[in-house]
């Protein structure tokens, strides 16, 4: 997805053998109780001046506003120069694999949960 704001109003599933690539500057704003479930591949690679961001749609965001990014068995996530905020589990490696580098994971109930 190119650099822009995106509203995630329901759970989003990246299916097995599919890849979701987020360009620098992309901002995924999630509704309450929703998650990004990765069974395939997530590529979220920002730059030092344009991070990929994940957060809440709430006007007054707080930890736990949305469920977060969940990488399940068979799924992979490569996250670099990103910001993940206001989730229950910022990034949850639930049997999946991946790397997180040069990223800010803050204001979540749990930052990176393995």
Protein backbone atom coordinates (compact mmCIF):
# COMPACT_ATOMS: atom_id res chain seq x y z
CA UNK A 1 0.00 0.00 0.00
CA UNK A 2 1.38 3.44 -0.85
CA UNK A 3 1.98 6.20 1.70
CA UNK A 4 -1.44 7.24 2.99
CA UNK A 5 -3.82 6.76 5.93
CA UNK A 6 -5.86 3.54 5.97
CA UNK A 7 -8.75 2.62 8.27
CA UNK A 8 -8.92 -1.00 9.42
CA UNK A 9 -12.58 -1.45 10.39
CA UNK A 10 -12.52 -5.24 10.63
CA UNK A 11 -9.83 -7.86 11.07
CA UNK A 12 -7.44 -8.00 8.12
CA UNK A 13 -5.94 -11.37 7.21
CA UNK A 14 -2.81 -11.74 5.10
CA UNK A 15 -3.41 -15.24 3.75
CA UNK A 16 -0.84 -17.97 3.25
CA UNK A 17 1.28 -17.33 0.12
CA UNK A 18 0.15 -13.66 0.02
CA UNK A 19 2.24 -10.59 0.92
CA UNK A 20 1.10 -7.25 2.31
CA UNK A 21 3.73 -4.59 1.60
CA UNK A 22 3.39 -1.22 3.30
CA UNK A 23 5.37 1.67 1.85
CA UNK A 24 7.13 4.33 3.94
CA UNK A 25 4.56 6.78 5.26
CA UNK A 26 1.65 4.31 5.33
CA UNK A 27 -0.49 4.65 8.48
CA UNK A 28 -2.86 1.83 9.44
CA UNK A 29 -5.46 3.06 11.95
CA UNK A 30 -7.38 0.21 13.53
CA UNK A 31 -10.86 0.19 15.01
CA UNK A 32 -11.30 -1.17 18.52
CA UNK A 33 -11.03 -4.93 18.93
CA UNK A 34 -9.49 -5.52 15.49
CA UNK A 35 -6.18 -7.09 14.46
CA UNK A 36 -3.88 -7.64 11.52
CA UNK A 37 -3.48 -11.43 11.27
CA UNK A 38 -0.48 -12.59 9.24
CA UNK A 39 -0.53 -16.14 7.86
CA UNK A 40 1.47 -15.08 4.79
CA UNK A 41 4.02 -12.26 4.74
CA UNK A 42 4.01 -8.71 6.10
CA UNK A 43 6.62 -6.27 4.80
CA UNK A 44 6.45 -2.97 6.69
CA UNK A 45 9.65 -1.06 5.98
CA UNK A 46 9.76 2.66 6.57
CA UNK A 47 12.60 5.16 6.43
CA UNK A 48 14.14 7.42 9.06
CA UNK A 49 11.87 10.27 7.91
CA UNK A 50 8.76 8.26 6.91
CA UNK A 51 7.97 5.41 9.25
CA UNK A 52 5.23 2.85 8.65
CA UNK A 53 2.74 3.40 11.47
CA UNK A 54 0.11 1.25 13.15
CA UNK A 55 -2.28 2.77 15.66
CA UNK A 56 -5.81 3.32 16.87
CA UNK A 57 -8.76 5.19 15.36
CA UNK A 58 -9.61 6.52 18.82
CA UNK A 59 -9.43 10.29 19.26
CA UNK A 60 -7.99 9.56 22.74
CA UNK A 61 -5.77 6.51 22.12
CA UNK A 62 -4.62 4.27 24.95
CA UNK A 63 -3.01 0.86 25.36
CA UNK A 64 -5.37 -1.89 24.25
CA UNK A 65 -7.48 0.18 21.83
CA UNK A 66 -6.93 -2.47 19.12
CA UNK A 67 -5.57 -6.03 19.27
CA UNK A 68 -2.34 -5.54 17.28
CA UNK A 69 -0.34 -7.49 14.71
CA UNK A 70 -0.45 -11.28 15.11
CA UNK A 71 1.95 -13.49 13.15
CA UNK A 72 0.77 -17.10 13.24
CA UNK A 73 2.52 -20.37 12.31
CA UNK A 74 3.71 -20.22 8.71
CA UNK A 75 3.52 -16.42 8.70
CA UNK A 76 6.46 -14.00 8.55
CA UNK A 77 6.83 -10.32 9.32
CA UNK A 78 9.66 -7.97 8.45
CA UNK A 79 9.16 -4.69 10.26
CA UNK A 80 11.73 -1.92 10.06
CA UNK A 81 11.54 1.76 10.91
CA UNK A 82 7.94 1.42 12.03
CA UNK A 83 5.84 2.62 14.93
CA UNK A 84 3.26 0.36 16.61
CA UNK A 85 1.10 2.00 19.28
CA UNK A 86 -2.02 1.58 21.44
CA UNK A 87 -2.54 -2.17 20.91
CA UNK A 88 -3.07 -5.03 23.32
CA UNK A 89 -0.07 -6.86 21.81
CA UNK A 90 1.92 -4.55 19.58
CA UNK A 91 3.44 -7.49 17.71
CA UNK A 92 2.47 -11.02 18.73
CA UNK A 93 4.60 -13.82 17.26
CA UNK A 94 2.08 -16.63 17.81
CA UNK A 95 4.08 -19.40 16.13
CA UNK A 96 5.17 -17.16 13.26
CA UNK A 97 8.59 -15.71 12.55
CA UNK A 98 10.04 -12.34 11.74
CA UNK A 99 12.33 -9.46 12.48
CA UNK A 100 11.73 -6.08 14.04
CA UNK A 101 14.47 -3.46 13.65
CA UNK A 102 14.84 0.26 14.32
CA UNK A 103 11.20 0.52 15.33
CA UNK A 104 9.25 2.18 18.12
CA UNK A 105 6.82 -0.19 19.86
CA UNK A 106 5.17 1.87 22.59
CA UNK A 107 1.97 2.57 24.53
CA UNK A 108 0.82 -1.06 24.12
CA UNK A 109 -0.29 -3.43 26.88
CA UNK A 110 2.51 -5.77 25.67
CA UNK A 111 5.13 -4.52 23.22
CA UNK A 112 6.49 -7.59 21.45
CA UNK A 113 4.92 -10.82 22.67
CA UNK A 114 6.56 -14.14 21.80
